[in-house]
Amino acid sequence: MNANILIVEDHLETRELLRAATEDAGYSVTCAGDIKGATEYLKTGKPSLLILDISLPDGSGLELCAAARASDGLADIPVIVLTGKDKLADKKLGFACGVDQYLTKPIKMDELVMWVKALLRIAERLSQILRAGSSSCSMRWLKTARR
């Protein structure tokens, strides 16, 4: 797999667990401990997927998600939020900011990797549809999406 994942998590132990799980699944991984580090990376790199914590030392991961959604080059990147905030209001805010999947801690790493694979597969299929611009591609995508 040639997908690159950007993990933005301030807690070092959690960040390393996330890195290990996604690298073991075959992905290349870049990590940042705060929004500043993530923003610096995003100036020159375009990840295939973002995994964000919400509570970061220099702001909210949701702000980073919203900024990515407003950027032409990053708007289509799948975003997973991984957080300890589990109230419905928090989840609504996350999805309103453009999050694709909202997961609460603690999480099993196998489940996280499952969501990473699913969101990357969906993103690739949507990209194929947009590139092809044809109804036959759309029908093929619908058939494979049911698998």
N, C-alpha and C. Protein backbone atom coordinates (compact mmCIF):
# COMPACT_ATOMS: atom_id res chain seq x y z
N MET A 1 0.85 -1.18 0.00
CA MET A 1 0.00 0.00 0.00
C MET A 1 0.88 1.23 0.00
N ASN A 2 0.52 2.22 -0.76
CA ASN A 2 1.34 3.43 -0.81
C ASN A 2 0.65 4.61 -0.16
N ALA A 3 -0.37 4.38 0.63
CA ALA A 3 -1.07 5.47 1.31
C ALA A 3 -0.21 5.98 2.47
N ASN A 4 -0.24 7.29 2.65
CA ASN A 4 0.47 7.94 3.75
C ASN A 4 -0.55 8.51 4.72
N ILE A 5 -0.37 8.23 5.98
CA ILE A 5 -1.29 8.68 7.02
C ILE A 5 -0.58 9.71 7.88
N LEU A 6 -1.26 10.82 8.14
CA LEU A 6 -0.77 11.81 9.09
C LEU A 6 -1.52 11.63 10.39
N ILE A 7 -0.80 11.33 11.45
CA ILE A 7 -1.38 11.17 12.79
C ILE A 7 -1.02 12.41 13.60
N VAL A 8 -2.05 13.06 14.14
CA VAL A 8 -1.83 14.25 14.98
C VAL A 8 -2.38 13.91 16.37
N GLU A 9 -1.46 13.62 17.27
CA GLU A 9 -1.79 13.17 18.63
C GLU A 9 -0.71 13.68 19.56
N ASP A 10 -1.09 14.36 20.65
CA ASP A 10 -0.10 14.94 21.55
C ASP A 10 0.45 13.95 22.57
N HIS A 11 -0.29 12.92 22.89
CA HIS A 11 0.15 11.94 23.88
C HIS A 11 1.10 10.95 23.19
N LEU A 12 2.38 10.98 23.59
CA LEU A 12 3.42 10.21 22.91
C LEU A 12 3.11 8.72 22.85
N GLU A 13 2.69 8.13 23.95
CA GLU A 13 2.43 6.70 23.97
C GLU A 13 1.30 6.33 23.00
N THR A 14 0.24 7.12 23.00
CA THR A 14 -0.88 6.88 22.08
C THR A 14 -0.42 7.05 20.64
N ARG A 15 0.35 8.10 20.39
CA ARG A 15 0.86 8.37 19.03
C ARG A 15 1.68 7.19 18.53
N GLU A 16 2.53 6.63 19.37
CA GLU A 16 3.37 5.50 18.97
C GLU A 16 2.55 4.23 18.74
N LEU A 17 1.50 4.02 19.54
CA LEU A 17 0.60 2.88 19.31
C LEU A 17 -0.11 3.02 17.97
N LEU A 18 -0.58 4.23 17.67
CA LEU A 18 -1.24 4.48 16.39
C LEU A 18 -0.28 4.29 15.23
N ARG A 19 0.92 4.78 15.40
CA ARG A 19 1.95 4.63 14.36
C ARG A 19 2.23 3.15 14.10
N ALA A 20 2.45 2.40 15.17
CA ALA A 20 2.78 0.98 15.02
C ALA A 20 1.65 0.22 14.34
N ALA A 21 0.42 0.48 14.74
CA ALA A 21 -0.73 -0.24 14.18
C ALA A 21 -0.89 0.06 12.69
N THR A 22 -0.74 1.31 12.31
CA THR A 22 -0.94 1.67 10.90
C THR A 22 0.26 1.25 10.04
N GLU A 23 1.46 1.34 10.59
CA GLU A 23 2.63 0.85 9.85
C GLU A 23 2.57 -0.66 9.69
N ASP A 24 2.14 -1.38 10.73
CA ASP A 24 2.01 -2.83 10.63
C ASP A 24 0.99 -3.23 9.57
N ALA A 25 0.02 -2.35 9.31
CA ALA A 25 -0.99 -2.61 8.28
C ALA A 25 -0.47 -2.26 6.88
N GLY A 26 0.76 -1.74 6.79
CA GLY A 26 1.37 -1.48 5.50
C GLY A 26 1.36 -0.04 5.04
N TYR A 27 0.99 0.89 5.90
CA TYR A 27 0.93 2.29 5.52
C TYR A 27 2.20 3.02 5.95
N SER A 28 2.56 4.05 5.19
CA SER A 28 3.62 4.94 5.66
C SER A 28 2.95 5.98 6.54
N VAL A 29 3.66 6.39 7.57
CA VAL A 29 3.05 7.23 8.60
C VAL A 29 3.95 8.42 8.92
N THR A 30 3.33 9.57 9.03
CA THR A 30 3.98 10.77 9.53
C THR A 30 3.22 11.18 10.79
N CYS A 31 3.94 11.60 11.82
CA CYS A 31 3.29 11.98 13.08
C CYS A 31 3.62 13.42 13.45
N ALA A 32 2.65 14.04 14.10
CA ALA A 32 2.85 15.37 14.68
C ALA A 32 2.20 15.37 16.05
N GLY A 33 2.78 16.12 16.95
CA GLY A 33 2.26 16.19 18.31
C GLY A 33 1.35 17.37 18.56
N ASP A 34 1.21 18.23 17.55
CA ASP A 34 0.36 19.41 17.71
C ASP A 34 -0.06 19.94 16.34
N ILE A 35 -0.91 20.95 16.35
CA ILE A 35 -1.41 21.53 15.10
C ILE A 35 -0.27 22.20 14.32
N LYS A 36 0.62 22.86 15.03
CA LYS A 36 1.74 23.53 14.35
C LYS A 36 2.56 22.53 13.54
N GLY A 37 2.91 21.39 14.15
CA GLY A 37 3.67 20.37 13.44
C GLY A 37 2.91 19.80 12.25
N ALA A 38 1.61 19.59 12.43
CA ALA A 38 0.78 19.08 11.33
C ALA A 38 0.70 20.09 10.20
N THR A 39 0.52 21.36 10.55
CA THR A 39 0.42 22.42 9.54
C THR A 39 1.71 22.54 8.75
N GLU A 40 2.84 22.42 9.42
CA GLU A 40 4.13 22.46 8.72
C GLU A 40 4.23 21.32 7.72
N TYR A 41 3.83 20.12 8.12
CA TYR A 41 3.88 18.99 7.21
C TYR A 41 2.94 19.21 6.02
N LEU A 42 1.75 19.72 6.29
CA LEU A 42 0.74 19.90 5.24
C LEU A 42 1.12 20.96 4.21
N LYS A 43 2.11 21.81 4.53
CA LYS A 43 2.57 22.80 3.57
C LYS A 43 3.28 22.13 2.39
N THR A 44 3.89 20.98 2.64
CA THR A 44 4.66 20.32 1.58
C THR A 44 4.17 18.91 1.26
N GLY A 45 3.41 18.30 2.15
CA GLY A 45 2.96 16.93 1.94
C GLY A 45 1.45 16.83 1.91
N LYS A 46 0.96 15.83 1.19
CA LYS A 46 -0.48 15.58 1.16
C LYS A 46 -0.72 14.14 1.59
N PRO A 47 -1.19 13.96 2.81
CA PRO A 47 -1.45 12.59 3.25
C PRO A 47 -2.69 12.02 2.56
N SER A 48 -2.79 10.71 2.61
CA SER A 48 -3.96 10.03 2.07
C SER A 48 -5.10 10.03 3.07
N LEU A 49 -4.77 10.19 4.36
CA LEU A 49 -5.76 10.16 5.43
C LEU A 49 -5.20 10.85 6.66
N LEU A 50 -6.06 11.51 7.42
CA LEU A 50 -5.68 12.16 8.68
C LEU A 50 -6.31 11.42 9.84
N ILE A 51 -5.53 11.20 10.89
CA ILE A 51 -6.07 10.73 12.17
C ILE A 51 -5.77 11.84 13.17
N LEU A 52 -6.81 12.43 13.74
CA LEU A 52 -6.65 13.60 14.60
C LEU A 52 -7.19 13.37 16.00
N ASP A 53 -6.46 13.83 16.97
CA ASP A 53 -7.00 13.98 18.32
C ASP A 53 -7.71 15.33 18.34
N ILE A 54 -8.70 15.50 19.17
CA ILE A 54 -9.38 16.80 19.25
C ILE A 54 -8.62 17.74 20.18
N SER A 55 -8.26 17.25 21.36
CA SER A 55 -7.63 18.11 22.36
C SER A 55 -6.12 18.10 22.19
N LEU A 56 -5.63 19.15 21.54
CA LEU A 56 -4.20 19.29 21.30
C LEU A 56 -3.68 20.50 22.05
N PRO A 57 -2.39 20.55 22.36
CA PRO A 57 -1.86 21.63 23.18
C PRO A 57 -2.02 23.03 22.57
N ASP A 58 -2.06 23.12 21.26
CA ASP A 58 -2.14 24.44 20.62
C ASP A 58 -3.46 24.66 19.88
N GLY A 59 -4.49 23.89 20.22
CA GLY A 59 -5.80 24.11 19.61
C GLY A 59 -6.56 22.81 19.46
N SER A 60 -7.59 22.87 18.64
CA SER A 60 -8.47 21.73 18.44
C SER A 60 -8.18 21.04 17.11
N GLY A 61 -8.16 19.71 17.14
CA GLY A 61 -8.04 18.95 15.92
C GLY A 61 -9.19 19.22 14.97
N LEU A 62 -10.34 19.63 15.52
CA LEU A 62 -11.48 19.96 14.66
C LEU A 62 -11.20 21.22 13.85
N GLU A 63 -10.44 22.14 14.41
CA GLU A 63 -10.04 23.34 13.65
C GLU A 63 -9.15 22.94 12.48
N LEU A 64 -8.26 21.99 12.73
CA LEU A 64 -7.39 21.51 11.65
C LEU A 64 -8.21 20.80 10.58
N CYS A 65 -9.19 20.02 11.00
CA CYS A 65 -10.08 19.34 10.05
C CYS A 65 -10.83 20.36 9.20
N ALA A 66 -11.40 21.36 9.84
CA ALA A 66 -12.16 22.39 9.11
C ALA A 66 -11.26 23.13 8.13
N ALA A 67 -10.03 23.42 8.54
CA ALA A 67 -9.09 24.11 7.65
C ALA A 67 -8.74 23.22 6.45
N ALA A 68 -8.56 21.92 6.70
CA ALA A 68 -8.27 21.00 5.59
C ALA A 68 -9.45 20.94 4.62
N ARG A 69 -10.66 20.93 5.15
CA ARG A 69 -11.85 20.87 4.29
C ARG A 69 -11.99 22.14 3.45
N ALA A 70 -11.48 23.27 3.95
CA ALA A 70 -11.57 24.53 3.22
C ALA A 70 -10.44 24.69 2.20
N SER A 71 -9.45 23.81 2.25
CA SER A 71 -8.30 23.88 1.35
C SER A 71 -8.54 23.05 0.10
N ASP A 72 -8.29 23.63 -1.06
CA ASP A 72 -8.49 22.90 -2.31
C ASP A 72 -7.69 21.60 -2.35
N GLY A 73 -6.47 21.64 -1.91
CA GLY A 73 -5.61 20.47 -2.01
C GLY A 73 -5.87 19.39 -0.98
N LEU A 74 -6.59 19.72 0.10
CA LEU A 74 -6.79 18.76 1.18
C LEU A 74 -8.25 18.41 1.43
N ALA A 75 -9.15 19.04 0.73
CA ALA A 75 -10.58 18.91 1.02
C ALA A 75 -11.11 17.48 0.89
N ASP A 76 -10.46 16.67 0.06
CA ASP A 76 -10.97 15.32 -0.19
C ASP A 76 -10.33 14.24 0.66
N ILE A 77 -9.45 14.60 1.57
CA ILE A 77 -8.75 13.62 2.39
C ILE A 77 -9.67 13.09 3.49
N PRO A 78 -9.79 11.78 3.64
CA PRO A 78 -10.59 11.24 4.75
C PRO A 78 -9.99 11.62 6.10
N VAL A 79 -10.87 11.91 7.06
CA VAL A 79 -10.43 12.33 8.39
C VAL A 79 -11.10 11.45 9.44
N ILE A 80 -10.28 10.88 10.30
CA ILE A 80 -10.75 10.14 11.46
C ILE A 80 -10.37 10.94 12.69
N VAL A 81 -11.34 11.17 13.56
CA VAL A 81 -11.06 11.77 14.85
C VAL A 81 -11.02 10.65 15.88
N LEU A 82 -10.00 10.67 16.71
CA LEU A 82 -9.84 9.70 17.77
C LEU A 82 -9.71 10.49 19.06
N THR A 83 -10.73 10.41 19.92
CA THR A 83 -10.80 11.30 21.08
C THR A 83 -11.47 10.63 22.27
N GLY A 84 -11.29 11.24 23.41
CA GLY A 84 -11.97 10.79 24.61
C GLY A 84 -13.33 11.45 24.79
N LYS A 85 -13.65 12.41 23.94
CA LYS A 85 -14.93 13.11 24.04
C LYS A 85 -16.03 12.27 23.39
N ASP A 86 -16.96 11.79 24.23
CA ASP A 86 -17.94 10.85 23.71
C ASP A 86 -19.39 11.33 23.78
N LYS A 87 -19.60 12.58 24.08
CA LYS A 87 -20.97 13.11 24.14
C LYS A 87 -21.50 13.34 22.72
N LEU A 88 -22.81 13.22 22.56
CA LEU A 88 -23.43 13.39 21.26
C LEU A 88 -23.13 14.78 20.68
N ALA A 89 -23.14 15.80 21.54
CA ALA A 89 -22.86 17.17 21.07
C ALA A 89 -21.45 17.26 20.48
N ASP A 90 -20.49 16.57 21.10
CA ASP A 90 -19.12 16.55 20.57
C ASP A 90 -19.07 15.88 19.20
N LYS A 91 -19.80 14.78 19.06
CA LYS A 91 -19.82 14.06 17.79
C LYS A 91 -20.48 14.90 16.70
N LYS A 92 -21.57 15.57 17.04
CA LYS A 92 -22.25 16.44 16.06
C LYS A 92 -21.30 17.54 15.59
N LEU A 93 -20.58 18.14 16.52
CA LEU A 93 -19.62 19.18 16.15
C LEU A 93 -18.53 18.62 15.25
N GLY A 94 -18.05 17.43 15.57
CA GLY A 94 -17.01 16.80 14.75
C GLY A 94 -17.48 16.59 13.32
N PHE A 95 -18.68 16.02 13.16
CA PHE A 95 -19.18 15.79 11.81
C PHE A 95 -19.47 17.10 11.09
N ALA A 96 -19.90 18.12 11.83
CA ALA A 96 -20.15 19.44 11.22
C ALA A 96 -18.85 20.06 10.71
N CYS A 97 -17.73 19.72 11.34
CA CYS A 97 -16.42 20.23 10.90
C CYS A 97 -15.84 19.44 9.75
N GLY A 98 -16.49 18.34 9.36
CA GLY A 98 -16.03 17.59 8.21
C GLY A 98 -15.38 16.25 8.51
N VAL A 99 -15.49 15.77 9.75
CA VAL A 99 -14.93 14.48 10.12
C VAL A 99 -15.67 13.37 9.37
N ASP A 100 -14.95 12.37 8.91
CA ASP A 100 -15.57 11.22 8.24
C ASP A 100 -15.89 10.10 9.21
N GLN A 101 -15.09 9.95 10.25
CA GLN A 101 -15.35 8.94 11.27
C GLN A 101 -14.90 9.47 12.62
N TYR A 102 -15.77 9.31 13.61
CA TYR A 102 -15.53 9.81 14.96
C TYR A 102 -15.42 8.60 15.88
N LEU A 103 -14.22 8.35 16.37
CA LEU A 103 -13.98 7.19 17.23
C LEU A 103 -13.56 7.67 18.61
N THR A 104 -14.06 6.97 19.64
CA THR A 104 -13.73 7.37 21.00
C THR A 104 -12.71 6.42 21.63
N LYS A 105 -11.86 7.01 22.43
CA LYS A 105 -10.83 6.26 23.15
C LYS A 105 -11.46 5.63 24.39
N PRO A 106 -10.99 4.52 24.82
CA PRO A 106 -9.95 3.71 24.18
C PRO A 106 -10.53 2.96 22.98
N ILE A 107 -9.67 2.67 22.03
CA ILE A 107 -10.09 1.94 20.83
C ILE A 107 -9.12 0.80 20.58
N LYS A 108 -9.65 -0.27 20.07
CA LYS A 108 -8.81 -1.39 19.67
C LYS A 108 -8.12 -1.00 18.37
N MET A 109 -6.84 -1.26 18.28
CA MET A 109 -6.08 -0.87 17.09
C MET A 109 -6.60 -1.58 15.83
N ASP A 110 -7.08 -2.81 15.99
CA ASP A 110 -7.65 -3.52 14.83
C ASP A 110 -8.85 -2.77 14.28
N GLU A 111 -9.66 -2.19 15.16
CA GLU A 111 -10.82 -1.43 14.71
C GLU A 111 -10.39 -0.16 13.99
N LEU A 112 -9.39 0.51 14.52
CA LEU A 112 -8.89 1.71 13.86
C LEU A 112 -8.38 1.37 12.46
N VAL A 113 -7.59 0.32 12.34
CA VAL A 113 -7.06 -0.08 11.03
C VAL A 113 -8.19 -0.44 10.08
N MET A 114 -9.24 -1.07 10.60
CA MET A 114 -10.40 -1.39 9.78
C MET A 114 -11.01 -0.12 9.18
N TRP A 115 -11.15 0.92 10.00
CA TRP A 115 -11.71 2.19 9.51
C TRP A 115 -10.77 2.88 8.54
N VAL A 116 -9.48 2.81 8.79
CA VAL A 116 -8.50 3.39 7.86
C VAL A 116 -8.65 2.73 6.49
N LYS A 117 -8.67 1.42 6.47
CA LYS A 117 -8.81 0.69 5.20
C LYS A 117 -10.12 1.04 4.50
N ALA A 118 -11.21 1.08 5.26
CA ALA A 118 -12.52 1.38 4.68
C ALA A 118 -12.56 2.78 4.09
N LEU A 119 -12.08 3.76 4.81
CA LEU A 119 -12.14 5.14 4.31
C LEU A 119 -11.21 5.35 3.12
N LEU A 120 -10.06 4.71 3.12
CA LEU A 120 -9.17 4.82 1.97
C LEU A 120 -9.78 4.14 0.75
N ARG A 121 -10.44 3.01 0.95
CA ARG A 121 -11.11 2.32 -0.15
C ARG A 121 -12.23 3.19 -0.73
N ILE A 122 -13.02 3.80 0.13
CA ILE A 122 -14.10 4.68 -0.33
C ILE A 122 -13.53 5.87 -1.09
N ALA A 123 -12.47 6.48 -0.54
CA ALA A 123 -11.85 7.63 -1.20
C ALA A 123 -11.32 7.26 -2.58
N GLU A 124 -10.72 6.08 -2.70
CA GLU A 124 -10.20 5.64 -3.99
C GLU A 124 -11.33 5.42 -4.99
N ARG A 125 -12.40 4.82 -4.54
CA ARG A 125 -13.53 4.59 -5.44
C ARG A 125 -14.16 5.90 -5.90
N LEU A 126 -14.30 6.83 -4.99
CA LEU A 126 -14.85 8.13 -5.38
C LEU A 126 -13.92 8.84 -6.35
N SER A 127 -12.63 8.72 -6.14
CA SER A 127 -11.66 9.31 -7.06
C SER A 127 -11.78 8.69 -8.45
N GLN A 128 -11.97 7.37 -8.50
CA GLN A 128 -12.15 6.70 -9.78
C GLN A 128 -13.40 7.20 -10.50
N ILE A 129 -14.46 7.39 -9.75
CA ILE A 129 -15.71 7.89 -10.34
C ILE A 129 -15.50 9.29 -10.90
N LEU A 130 -14.86 10.14 -10.14
CA LEU A 130 -14.63 11.51 -10.59
C LEU A 130 -13.72 11.56 -11.81
N ARG A 131 -12.70 10.70 -11.83
CA ARG A 131 -11.80 10.66 -12.98
C ARG A 131 -12.51 10.13 -14.23
N ALA A 132 -13.33 9.13 -14.05
CA ALA A 132 -14.00 8.51 -15.20
C ALA A 132 -15.15 9.37 -15.69
N GLY A 133 -15.88 9.95 -14.76
CA GLY A 133 -17.00 10.81 -15.13
C GLY A 133 -18.07 10.09 -15.93
N SER A 134 -18.22 8.79 -15.71
CA SER A 134 -19.22 8.06 -16.48
C SER A 134 -20.14 7.27 -15.57
N SER A 135 -21.36 7.03 -16.06
CA SER A 135 -22.33 6.27 -15.28
C SER A 135 -21.93 4.81 -15.17
N SER A 136 -21.18 4.28 -16.15
CA SER A 136 -20.77 2.88 -16.06
C SER A 136 -19.81 2.68 -14.90
N CYS A 137 -18.94 3.65 -14.68
CA CYS A 137 -18.03 3.57 -13.54
C CYS A 137 -18.81 3.66 -12.24
N SER A 138 -19.83 4.52 -12.22
CA SER A 138 -20.66 4.65 -11.03
C SER A 138 -21.37 3.35 -10.71
N MET A 139 -21.87 2.67 -11.73
CA MET A 139 -22.56 1.40 -11.51
C MET A 139 -21.57 0.34 -11.01
N ARG A 140 -20.36 0.32 -11.57
CA ARG A 140 -19.34 -0.64 -11.12
C ARG A 140 -18.99 -0.36 -9.66
N TRP A 141 -18.87 0.92 -9.29
CA TRP A 141 -18.57 1.27 -7.91
C TRP A 141 -19.69 0.82 -6.99
N LEU A 142 -20.94 1.02 -7.38
CA LEU A 142 -22.06 0.59 -6.54
C LEU A 142 -22.04 -0.91 -6.33
N LYS A 143 -21.72 -1.67 -7.37
CA LYS A 143 -21.67 -3.13 -7.23
C LYS A 143 -20.56 -3.55 -6.28
N THR A 144 -19.37 -2.94 -6.40
CA THR A 144 -18.26 -3.34 -5.54
C THR A 144 -18.44 -2.81 -4.12
N ALA A 145 -19.17 -1.73 -3.94
CA ALA A 145 -19.39 -1.17 -2.60
C ALA A 145 -20.23 -2.11 -1.75
N ARG A 146 -21.01 -2.97 -2.36
CA ARG A 146 -21.87 -3.88 -1.61
C ARG A 146 -21.10 -5.08 -1.07
N ARG A 147 -19.87 -5.29 -1.52
CA ARG A 147 -19.08 -6.45 -1.07
C ARG A 147 -18.68 -6.34 0.36
